[in-house]
């Protein structure tokens, strides 16, 4: 018997990803302004918004007596083009780099999630453990995204922006074994 549960999380937006093709994070593909497909929010002071999130799914293998014997999990970081936008007249490569780092932070937390999952062993409470781990990763990711914007003043502080870029680059390298 198998139980399959898929959970989807978004940051910066709450919504359904219908009618859009998410982009999987990869080292070789950086965001381009053409990836931002949504219309700018006229009520926002922001120059751009990156909608990214972690998708998480797992299956649990049980015996005919409902004893958990194994589980598998998948974790991916995605960018959602149809929920991401920018103000063309104000956008430049510097702002794009700030938005890319939001996506990179999402990937960092996906790797952290995969690392934690690799340490879990099948047990009768695995479903609850997986859900709690997913929730804690999402909370930590949200806090980091907000801290990044606060400390970099939404990219307006070039010194802090550079510090964040170097920090995330190093943290991603530390978790290279957990990239997809």
N, C-alpha and C. Protein backbone atom coordinates (compact mmCIF):
# COMPACT_ATOMS: atom_id res chain seq x y z
N UNK A 1 0.85 -1.18 0.00
CA UNK A 1 0.00 0.00 0.00
C UNK A 1 0.89 1.23 0.00
N UNK A 2 0.50 2.21 -0.76
CA UNK A 2 1.26 3.46 -0.81
C UNK A 2 0.33 4.62 -0.56
N UNK A 3 0.84 5.59 0.16
CA UNK A 3 0.10 6.84 0.37
C UNK A 3 0.92 7.91 -0.32
N UNK A 4 0.28 8.72 -1.14
CA UNK A 4 0.99 9.79 -1.83
C UNK A 4 0.36 11.11 -1.47
N UNK A 5 1.20 12.01 -1.00
CA UNK A 5 0.73 13.34 -0.65
C UNK A 5 1.65 14.34 -1.31
N UNK A 6 1.08 15.32 -1.97
CA UNK A 6 1.87 16.37 -2.60
C UNK A 6 1.48 17.70 -1.98
N UNK A 7 2.47 18.46 -1.60
CA UNK A 7 2.24 19.77 -1.01
C UNK A 7 2.96 20.80 -1.84
N UNK A 8 2.36 21.96 -1.99
CA UNK A 8 2.94 23.03 -2.80
C UNK A 8 2.97 24.30 -1.98
N UNK A 9 4.11 24.97 -1.97
CA UNK A 9 4.24 26.21 -1.21
C UNK A 9 4.73 27.32 -2.10
N UNK A 10 4.18 28.50 -1.90
CA UNK A 10 4.59 29.68 -2.63
C UNK A 10 5.06 30.72 -1.63
N UNK A 11 5.98 31.55 -2.07
CA UNK A 11 6.42 32.67 -1.25
C UNK A 11 6.13 33.94 -2.02
N UNK A 12 5.77 34.96 -1.29
CA UNK A 12 5.39 36.26 -1.81
C UNK A 12 3.97 36.28 -2.34
N UNK A 13 3.41 35.14 -2.67
CA UNK A 13 2.06 35.06 -3.20
C UNK A 13 1.38 33.85 -2.63
N UNK A 14 0.08 33.94 -2.53
CA UNK A 14 -0.72 32.78 -2.20
C UNK A 14 -1.60 32.55 -3.42
N UNK A 15 -1.60 31.36 -3.93
CA UNK A 15 -2.44 31.15 -5.09
C UNK A 15 -2.26 29.79 -5.71
N UNK A 16 -2.99 29.60 -6.75
CA UNK A 16 -2.99 28.36 -7.50
C UNK A 16 -2.13 28.54 -8.75
N UNK A 17 -1.22 27.59 -9.02
CA UNK A 17 -0.34 27.75 -10.18
C UNK A 17 -1.00 27.36 -11.50
N UNK A 18 -2.31 27.41 -11.58
CA UNK A 18 -2.98 26.97 -12.80
C UNK A 18 -2.53 27.78 -14.01
N UNK A 19 -2.51 27.13 -15.15
CA UNK A 19 -2.18 27.75 -16.44
C UNK A 19 -0.77 28.32 -16.49
N UNK A 20 0.13 27.78 -15.76
CA UNK A 20 1.50 28.27 -15.88
C UNK A 20 2.47 27.10 -15.77
N UNK A 21 3.57 27.27 -16.42
CA UNK A 21 4.62 26.27 -16.38
C UNK A 21 5.71 26.78 -15.44
N UNK A 22 5.86 26.17 -14.29
CA UNK A 22 6.93 26.63 -13.40
C UNK A 22 8.30 26.28 -13.97
N UNK A 23 9.27 27.09 -13.61
CA UNK A 23 10.65 26.84 -14.03
C UNK A 23 11.40 26.23 -12.85
N UNK A 24 12.03 25.12 -13.09
CA UNK A 24 12.84 24.46 -12.08
C UNK A 24 14.17 25.21 -11.94
N UNK A 25 14.64 25.38 -10.72
CA UNK A 25 15.92 26.05 -10.48
C UNK A 25 17.04 25.17 -11.04
N UNK A 26 17.95 25.78 -11.79
CA UNK A 26 19.17 25.09 -12.24
C UNK A 26 20.32 26.08 -12.19
N UNK A 27 21.50 25.53 -12.02
CA UNK A 27 22.69 26.39 -11.99
C UNK A 27 22.92 27.07 -13.33
N UNK A 28 22.60 26.38 -14.40
CA UNK A 28 22.93 26.87 -15.73
C UNK A 28 21.96 27.92 -16.27
N UNK A 29 20.77 28.02 -15.69
CA UNK A 29 19.77 28.97 -16.21
C UNK A 29 19.47 30.03 -15.16
N UNK A 30 19.85 31.23 -15.46
CA UNK A 30 19.53 32.37 -14.60
C UNK A 30 18.27 33.03 -15.13
N UNK A 31 17.57 33.71 -14.25
CA UNK A 31 16.35 34.42 -14.66
C UNK A 31 16.67 35.52 -15.65
N UNK A 32 15.73 35.77 -16.52
CA UNK A 32 15.80 36.86 -17.49
C UNK A 32 14.48 37.61 -17.36
N UNK A 33 14.46 38.87 -17.71
CA UNK A 33 13.23 39.63 -17.59
C UNK A 33 12.10 39.01 -18.41
N UNK A 34 12.43 38.32 -19.47
CA UNK A 34 11.39 37.69 -20.28
C UNK A 34 10.68 36.55 -19.53
N UNK A 35 11.27 36.10 -18.42
CA UNK A 35 10.65 35.06 -17.60
C UNK A 35 9.51 35.61 -16.74
N UNK A 36 9.47 36.91 -16.54
CA UNK A 36 8.48 37.55 -15.68
C UNK A 36 7.28 37.90 -16.55
N UNK A 37 6.22 37.13 -16.43
CA UNK A 37 5.11 37.21 -17.39
C UNK A 37 3.88 37.98 -16.88
N UNK A 38 3.78 38.20 -15.59
CA UNK A 38 2.58 38.86 -15.05
C UNK A 38 2.67 40.37 -15.20
N UNK A 39 1.52 41.00 -15.18
CA UNK A 39 1.47 42.47 -15.23
C UNK A 39 1.91 43.02 -13.88
N UNK A 40 2.62 44.14 -13.87
CA UNK A 40 3.05 44.74 -12.59
C UNK A 40 1.85 45.10 -11.72
N UNK A 41 2.07 45.04 -10.43
CA UNK A 41 1.04 45.42 -9.47
C UNK A 41 1.04 46.94 -9.34
N UNK A 42 -0.01 47.62 -9.77
CA UNK A 42 -0.04 49.08 -9.72
C UNK A 42 -0.08 49.64 -8.30
N UNK A 43 -0.42 48.79 -7.33
CA UNK A 43 -0.50 49.23 -5.93
C UNK A 43 0.78 48.95 -5.15
N UNK A 44 1.82 48.55 -5.84
CA UNK A 44 3.08 48.21 -5.18
C UNK A 44 4.14 49.25 -5.50
N UNK A 45 5.01 49.49 -4.53
CA UNK A 45 6.16 50.35 -4.75
C UNK A 45 7.34 49.57 -5.31
N UNK A 46 7.21 48.25 -5.38
CA UNK A 46 8.30 47.40 -5.83
C UNK A 46 8.52 47.56 -7.33
N UNK A 47 9.75 47.33 -7.74
CA UNK A 47 10.12 47.35 -9.16
C UNK A 47 9.85 45.97 -9.78
N UNK A 48 9.93 44.92 -8.94
CA UNK A 48 9.73 43.57 -9.44
C UNK A 48 9.28 42.66 -8.30
N UNK A 49 8.70 41.54 -8.68
CA UNK A 49 8.32 40.53 -7.71
C UNK A 49 8.65 39.16 -8.29
N UNK A 50 9.35 38.37 -7.51
CA UNK A 50 9.68 37.00 -7.88
C UNK A 50 8.80 36.06 -7.09
N UNK A 51 8.01 35.29 -7.79
CA UNK A 51 7.20 34.25 -7.15
C UNK A 51 7.98 32.94 -7.28
N UNK A 52 8.42 32.44 -6.15
CA UNK A 52 9.14 31.18 -6.15
C UNK A 52 8.69 30.38 -4.95
N UNK A 53 8.92 29.10 -5.00
CA UNK A 53 8.50 28.26 -3.89
C UNK A 53 9.07 26.87 -4.00
N UNK A 54 8.82 26.13 -2.96
CA UNK A 54 9.28 24.75 -2.87
C UNK A 54 8.10 23.83 -3.09
N UNK A 55 8.25 22.89 -4.02
CA UNK A 55 7.25 21.84 -4.16
C UNK A 55 7.78 20.61 -3.43
N UNK A 56 6.89 19.93 -2.76
CA UNK A 56 7.27 18.81 -1.92
C UNK A 56 6.23 17.72 -2.06
N UNK A 57 6.68 16.54 -2.30
CA UNK A 57 5.78 15.39 -2.34
C UNK A 57 6.45 14.20 -1.70
N UNK A 58 5.65 13.31 -1.18
CA UNK A 58 6.23 12.10 -0.60
C UNK A 58 5.25 10.95 -0.75
N UNK A 59 5.81 9.75 -0.71
CA UNK A 59 4.99 8.54 -0.67
C UNK A 59 5.51 7.67 0.45
N UNK A 60 4.60 6.96 1.07
CA UNK A 60 4.94 6.10 2.19
C UNK A 60 4.54 4.69 1.83
N UNK A 61 5.45 3.76 2.00
CA UNK A 61 5.18 2.36 1.73
C UNK A 61 4.88 1.67 3.06
N UNK A 62 3.74 0.99 3.10
CA UNK A 62 3.35 0.29 4.32
C UNK A 62 3.11 -1.19 4.02
N UNK A 63 3.14 -1.99 5.06
CA UNK A 63 2.78 -3.40 4.93
C UNK A 63 1.27 -3.50 4.97
N UNK A 64 0.75 -4.71 4.79
CA UNK A 64 -0.70 -4.89 4.86
C UNK A 64 -1.24 -4.67 6.27
N UNK A 65 -0.36 -4.53 7.24
CA UNK A 65 -0.75 -4.23 8.63
C UNK A 65 -0.51 -2.75 8.96
N UNK A 66 -0.35 -1.95 7.91
CA UNK A 66 -0.11 -0.50 8.04
C UNK A 66 1.16 -0.15 8.79
N UNK A 67 2.14 -0.99 8.73
CA UNK A 67 3.44 -0.69 9.32
C UNK A 67 4.28 0.01 8.25
N UNK A 68 4.82 1.17 8.56
CA UNK A 68 5.65 1.93 7.62
C UNK A 68 6.98 1.22 7.44
N UNK A 69 7.31 0.91 6.18
CA UNK A 69 8.57 0.23 5.90
C UNK A 69 9.52 1.07 5.05
N UNK A 70 8.98 2.09 4.38
CA UNK A 70 9.84 2.93 3.55
C UNK A 70 9.09 4.20 3.18
N UNK A 71 9.82 5.19 2.71
CA UNK A 71 9.22 6.41 2.17
C UNK A 71 10.18 7.02 1.16
N UNK A 72 9.61 7.78 0.26
CA UNK A 72 10.41 8.56 -0.68
C UNK A 72 9.85 9.98 -0.69
N UNK A 73 10.69 10.91 -1.03
CA UNK A 73 10.26 12.30 -1.06
C UNK A 73 10.95 13.02 -2.21
N UNK A 74 10.26 14.01 -2.76
CA UNK A 74 10.85 14.87 -3.77
C UNK A 74 10.68 16.32 -3.33
N UNK A 75 11.71 17.09 -3.57
CA UNK A 75 11.72 18.51 -3.23
C UNK A 75 12.31 19.26 -4.41
N UNK A 76 11.58 20.26 -4.89
CA UNK A 76 12.07 21.08 -6.00
C UNK A 76 11.81 22.54 -5.69
N UNK A 77 12.69 23.39 -6.22
CA UNK A 77 12.45 24.84 -6.11
C UNK A 77 12.03 25.33 -7.49
N UNK A 78 10.95 26.10 -7.49
CA UNK A 78 10.37 26.58 -8.74
C UNK A 78 10.21 28.10 -8.74
N UNK A 79 10.26 28.63 -9.94
CA UNK A 79 9.94 30.02 -10.22
C UNK A 79 8.64 30.00 -11.01
N UNK A 80 7.71 30.90 -10.67
CA UNK A 80 6.40 30.94 -11.31
C UNK A 80 6.29 32.18 -12.19
N UNK A 81 6.54 32.03 -13.50
CA UNK A 81 6.55 33.17 -14.42
C UNK A 81 5.25 33.96 -14.43
N UNK A 82 4.12 33.29 -14.39
CA UNK A 82 2.84 33.98 -14.51
C UNK A 82 2.39 34.64 -13.21
N UNK A 83 3.20 34.55 -12.18
CA UNK A 83 2.93 35.25 -10.93
C UNK A 83 4.06 36.24 -10.62
N UNK A 84 5.05 36.30 -11.50
CA UNK A 84 6.21 37.18 -11.32
C UNK A 84 6.11 38.35 -12.29
N UNK A 85 6.52 39.53 -11.84
CA UNK A 85 6.37 40.72 -12.67
C UNK A 85 7.50 41.72 -12.42
N UNK A 86 7.56 42.72 -13.30
CA UNK A 86 8.52 43.81 -13.14
C UNK A 86 7.99 45.04 -13.86
N UNK A 87 8.50 46.19 -13.43
CA UNK A 87 8.16 47.46 -14.07
C UNK A 87 9.27 47.74 -15.08
N UNK A 88 8.95 47.61 -16.34
CA UNK A 88 9.96 47.66 -17.40
C UNK A 88 10.80 48.94 -17.37
N UNK A 89 10.18 50.06 -17.12
CA UNK A 89 10.90 51.33 -17.16
C UNK A 89 11.91 51.48 -16.02
N UNK A 90 11.80 50.66 -14.98
CA UNK A 90 12.69 50.78 -13.83
C UNK A 90 13.62 49.58 -13.68
N UNK A 91 13.43 48.58 -14.49
CA UNK A 91 14.19 47.34 -14.36
C UNK A 91 15.56 47.45 -15.00
N UNK A 92 16.53 46.82 -14.37
CA UNK A 92 17.88 46.75 -14.93
C UNK A 92 18.54 45.46 -14.45
N UNK A 93 19.77 45.23 -14.85
CA UNK A 93 20.48 44.00 -14.51
C UNK A 93 20.70 43.87 -13.00
N UNK A 94 20.90 44.98 -12.33
CA UNK A 94 21.11 44.97 -10.88
C UNK A 94 19.85 44.47 -10.16
N UNK A 95 18.70 44.96 -10.56
CA UNK A 95 17.43 44.53 -9.97
C UNK A 95 17.18 43.05 -10.30
N UNK A 96 17.51 42.66 -11.52
CA UNK A 96 17.35 41.26 -11.92
C UNK A 96 18.21 40.35 -11.04
N UNK A 97 19.41 40.78 -10.72
CA UNK A 97 20.28 39.99 -9.84
C UNK A 97 19.66 39.85 -8.44
N UNK A 98 19.01 40.92 -7.98
CA UNK A 98 18.32 40.86 -6.69
C UNK A 98 17.20 39.81 -6.75
N UNK A 99 16.44 39.82 -7.84
CA UNK A 99 15.35 38.86 -7.99
C UNK A 99 15.88 37.44 -8.13
N UNK A 100 16.98 37.27 -8.86
CA UNK A 100 17.61 35.95 -8.98
C UNK A 100 17.98 35.41 -7.61
N UNK A 101 18.48 36.27 -6.75
CA UNK A 101 18.88 35.80 -5.43
C UNK A 101 17.68 35.31 -4.61
N UNK A 102 16.52 35.91 -4.81
CA UNK A 102 15.32 35.36 -4.15
C UNK A 102 15.10 33.91 -4.57
N UNK A 103 15.25 33.65 -5.86
CA UNK A 103 15.10 32.29 -6.38
C UNK A 103 16.21 31.39 -5.84
N UNK A 104 17.43 31.90 -5.76
CA UNK A 104 18.56 31.13 -5.21
C UNK A 104 18.33 30.79 -3.74
N UNK A 105 17.74 31.71 -3.00
CA UNK A 105 17.43 31.44 -1.58
C UNK A 105 16.41 30.31 -1.49
N UNK A 106 15.45 30.30 -2.39
CA UNK A 106 14.48 29.20 -2.43
C UNK A 106 15.20 27.88 -2.66
N UNK A 107 16.14 27.87 -3.60
CA UNK A 107 16.92 26.65 -3.85
C UNK A 107 17.73 26.25 -2.63
N UNK A 108 18.31 27.21 -1.94
CA UNK A 108 19.08 26.90 -0.73
C UNK A 108 18.21 26.14 0.27
N UNK A 109 17.01 26.61 0.49
CA UNK A 109 16.13 25.95 1.45
C UNK A 109 15.62 24.62 0.93
N UNK A 110 15.49 24.46 -0.37
CA UNK A 110 15.16 23.15 -0.93
C UNK A 110 16.28 22.16 -0.63
N UNK A 111 17.52 22.62 -0.76
CA UNK A 111 18.66 21.74 -0.45
C UNK A 111 18.70 21.41 1.04
N UNK A 112 18.43 22.39 1.87
CA UNK A 112 18.40 22.14 3.31
C UNK A 112 17.32 21.10 3.64
N UNK A 113 16.20 21.23 2.98
CA UNK A 113 15.09 20.29 3.16
C UNK A 113 15.53 18.89 2.76
N UNK A 114 16.15 18.77 1.58
CA UNK A 114 16.62 17.45 1.11
C UNK A 114 17.63 16.85 2.08
N UNK A 115 18.51 17.69 2.61
CA UNK A 115 19.49 17.18 3.57
C UNK A 115 18.79 16.62 4.80
N UNK A 116 17.83 17.34 5.33
CA UNK A 116 17.10 16.87 6.52
C UNK A 116 16.31 15.60 6.20
N UNK A 117 15.72 15.53 5.02
CA UNK A 117 14.99 14.33 4.63
C UNK A 117 15.91 13.11 4.56
N UNK A 118 17.15 13.32 4.13
CA UNK A 118 18.09 12.21 3.99
C UNK A 118 18.42 11.57 5.34
N UNK A 119 18.18 12.28 6.41
CA UNK A 119 18.50 11.78 7.75
C UNK A 119 17.31 11.08 8.42
N UNK A 120 16.14 11.18 7.82
CA UNK A 120 14.96 10.54 8.41
C UNK A 120 14.94 9.05 8.10
N UNK A 121 14.45 8.30 9.04
CA UNK A 121 14.30 6.84 8.88
C UNK A 121 12.80 6.51 8.90
N UNK A 122 12.41 5.47 8.15
CA UNK A 122 11.00 5.08 8.17
C UNK A 122 10.54 4.75 9.60
N UNK A 123 9.38 5.25 9.97
CA UNK A 123 8.81 4.97 11.29
C UNK A 123 7.32 5.26 11.24
N UNK A 124 6.62 4.90 12.28
CA UNK A 124 5.16 5.05 12.32
C UNK A 124 4.72 6.51 12.33
N UNK A 125 5.59 7.43 12.67
CA UNK A 125 5.26 8.85 12.74
C UNK A 125 5.83 9.66 11.57
N UNK A 126 6.28 8.96 10.52
CA UNK A 126 6.98 9.64 9.43
C UNK A 126 6.11 10.69 8.74
N UNK A 127 4.84 10.43 8.56
CA UNK A 127 3.97 11.40 7.89
C UNK A 127 3.94 12.72 8.67
N UNK A 128 3.78 12.65 9.96
CA UNK A 128 3.79 13.85 10.80
C UNK A 128 5.14 14.54 10.78
N UNK A 129 6.21 13.75 10.82
CA UNK A 129 7.56 14.33 10.77
C UNK A 129 7.79 15.07 9.46
N UNK A 130 7.36 14.48 8.37
CA UNK A 130 7.53 15.12 7.06
C UNK A 130 6.75 16.43 6.98
N UNK A 131 5.54 16.43 7.47
CA UNK A 131 4.72 17.65 7.44
C UNK A 131 5.33 18.74 8.33
N UNK A 132 5.79 18.35 9.52
CA UNK A 132 6.41 19.35 10.42
C UNK A 132 7.69 19.90 9.82
N UNK A 133 8.49 19.04 9.20
CA UNK A 133 9.73 19.48 8.56
C UNK A 133 9.41 20.43 7.41
N UNK A 134 8.43 20.09 6.62
CA UNK A 134 8.01 20.95 5.51
C UNK A 134 7.58 22.32 6.04
N UNK A 135 6.77 22.33 7.07
CA UNK A 135 6.32 23.60 7.65
C UNK A 135 7.48 24.42 8.20
N UNK A 136 8.41 23.77 8.90
CA UNK A 136 9.53 24.51 9.48
C UNK A 136 10.46 25.07 8.40
N UNK A 137 10.67 24.33 7.32
CA UNK A 137 11.49 24.82 6.21
C UNK A 137 10.82 26.04 5.58
N UNK A 138 9.51 25.95 5.36
CA UNK A 138 8.80 27.08 4.76
C UNK A 138 8.85 28.32 5.65
N UNK A 139 8.71 28.14 6.94
CA UNK A 139 8.79 29.28 7.87
C UNK A 139 10.18 29.90 7.83
N UNK A 140 11.21 29.06 7.85
CA UNK A 140 12.59 29.56 7.82
C UNK A 140 12.87 30.27 6.49
N UNK A 141 12.40 29.70 5.40
CA UNK A 141 12.58 30.32 4.08
C UNK A 141 11.92 31.69 4.04
N UNK A 142 10.70 31.77 4.53
CA UNK A 142 9.98 33.04 4.53
C UNK A 142 10.72 34.10 5.35
N UNK A 143 11.22 33.70 6.50
CA UNK A 143 11.98 34.64 7.35
C UNK A 143 13.25 35.11 6.64
N UNK A 144 13.93 34.19 5.98
CA UNK A 144 15.16 34.56 5.28
C UNK A 144 14.87 35.48 4.11
N UNK A 145 13.82 35.20 3.35
CA UNK A 145 13.47 36.08 2.23
C UNK A 145 13.17 37.49 2.73
N UNK A 146 12.43 37.58 3.81
CA UNK A 146 12.10 38.90 4.38
C UNK A 146 13.34 39.59 4.92
N UNK A 147 14.23 38.83 5.58
CA UNK A 147 15.47 39.40 6.11
C UNK A 147 16.36 39.91 4.98
N UNK A 148 16.44 39.15 3.90
CA UNK A 148 17.21 39.55 2.73
C UNK A 148 16.71 40.89 2.20
N UNK A 149 15.41 41.02 2.01
CA UNK A 149 14.86 42.29 1.53
C UNK A 149 15.08 43.42 2.53
N UNK A 150 14.93 43.13 3.79
CA UNK A 150 15.12 44.16 4.81
C UNK A 150 16.58 44.63 4.85
N UNK A 151 17.51 43.69 4.94
CA UNK A 151 18.93 44.04 5.07
C UNK A 151 19.48 44.68 3.80
N UNK A 152 19.01 44.24 2.65
CA UNK A 152 19.49 44.83 1.39
C UNK A 152 18.65 46.04 1.00
N UNK A 153 17.65 46.34 1.82
CA UNK A 153 16.70 47.42 1.53
C UNK A 153 16.15 47.24 0.10
N UNK A 154 15.70 46.01 -0.17
CA UNK A 154 15.15 45.67 -1.49
C UNK A 154 16.12 46.03 -2.62
N UNK A 155 17.39 45.75 -2.39
CA UNK A 155 18.51 45.95 -3.32
C UNK A 155 19.09 47.36 -3.29
N UNK A 156 18.50 48.27 -2.53
CA UNK A 156 18.95 49.67 -2.51
C UNK A 156 20.27 49.85 -1.76
N UNK A 157 20.68 48.84 -1.00
CA UNK A 157 21.95 48.88 -0.27
C UNK A 157 22.93 47.94 -1.00
N UNK A 158 23.74 48.47 -1.90
CA UNK A 158 24.63 47.62 -2.71
C UNK A 158 25.61 46.79 -1.88
N UNK A 159 26.10 47.34 -0.78
CA UNK A 159 27.04 46.61 0.05
C UNK A 159 26.37 45.37 0.65
N UNK A 160 25.18 45.52 1.18
CA UNK A 160 24.47 44.38 1.75
C UNK A 160 24.01 43.41 0.66
N UNK A 161 23.66 43.95 -0.48
CA UNK A 161 23.27 43.10 -1.60
C UNK A 161 24.43 42.17 -1.96
N UNK A 162 25.63 42.72 -2.04
CA UNK A 162 26.82 41.92 -2.37
C UNK A 162 27.11 40.88 -1.28
N UNK A 163 26.95 41.29 -0.01
CA UNK A 163 27.17 40.34 1.09
C UNK A 163 26.20 39.17 1.00
N UNK A 164 24.95 39.46 0.69
CA UNK A 164 23.97 38.40 0.56
C UNK A 164 24.31 37.49 -0.62
N UNK A 165 24.74 38.06 -1.74
CA UNK A 165 25.10 37.24 -2.90
C UNK A 165 26.22 36.27 -2.55
N UNK A 166 27.24 36.76 -1.87
CA UNK A 166 28.36 35.90 -1.48
C UNK A 166 27.93 34.85 -0.47
N UNK A 167 27.12 35.25 0.49
CA UNK A 167 26.64 34.32 1.52
C UNK A 167 25.83 33.19 0.89
N UNK A 168 24.89 33.50 0.04
CA UNK A 168 24.05 32.47 -0.57
C UNK A 168 24.87 31.56 -1.49
N UNK A 169 25.81 32.15 -2.21
CA UNK A 169 26.69 31.34 -3.06
C UNK A 169 27.45 30.31 -2.23
N UNK A 170 28.00 30.73 -1.11
CA UNK A 170 28.74 29.81 -0.23
C UNK A 170 27.82 28.75 0.37
N UNK A 171 26.66 29.16 0.81
CA UNK A 171 25.72 28.21 1.42
C UNK A 171 25.24 27.17 0.40
N UNK A 172 25.01 27.59 -0.82
CA UNK A 172 24.63 26.64 -1.87
C UNK A 172 25.75 25.63 -2.11
N UNK A 173 26.99 26.11 -2.14
CA UNK A 173 28.12 25.20 -2.37
C UNK A 173 28.25 24.18 -1.24
N UNK A 174 28.00 24.60 -0.01
CA UNK A 174 28.06 23.68 1.13
C UNK A 174 27.07 22.53 0.98
N UNK A 175 25.98 22.80 0.29
CA UNK A 175 24.93 21.79 0.13
C UNK A 175 24.87 21.25 -1.30
N UNK A 176 26.00 21.30 -1.98
CA UNK A 176 26.08 20.80 -3.37
C UNK A 176 25.59 19.36 -3.50
N UNK A 177 25.81 18.53 -2.48
CA UNK A 177 25.39 17.14 -2.54
C UNK A 177 23.89 16.99 -2.55
N UNK A 178 23.17 18.07 -2.27
CA UNK A 178 21.71 17.99 -2.18
C UNK A 178 21.01 18.77 -3.29
N UNK A 179 21.75 19.09 -4.35
CA UNK A 179 21.08 19.71 -5.50
C UNK A 179 20.49 18.61 -6.36
N UNK A 180 19.48 18.98 -7.14
CA UNK A 180 18.80 17.98 -8.00
C UNK A 180 19.62 17.77 -9.26
